[in-house]
Amino acid sequence: MAISIINAKGSWYDLYDENGKKYKSLQISLTGDLVGFSSTFFIMAKGSWYDLYDQNGRKYKSLQISLTGDFVSISGDTFVMKKGSYLETYEKTGKKISSRHV
């Protein structure tokens, strides 16, 4: 099942599959703010942490915001963070795979 959209409605985030069918709801107060999503995972910000969730809505990794920097983008199975004057690319597992000066 792939994520096609994550929609905030009231105090819930609703996850929809590629057929437009809602398949999961997550309480906003428990998950935090949606930062970005792809078809296979999504990132939430809560307090001083970025939490990575799989397509089934299960949190599988937390990354400290002060160590990773600011969210830039998400695509496929990777995401990009900006820390200082560097763009750092991470796998959806949370492992940093590249860094470049900007």
Foldseek 3Di string as FASTA:
>chain_A
DWFDDWDDDDQWTFTAAPVRDTDDIDGCVVFAAWDADGRFWTWHDDDQWIFIAGSNGHTDDIDGCLVFAAWDADYDQKGWHDDPQKIWIDGSNRHTDDIDGD
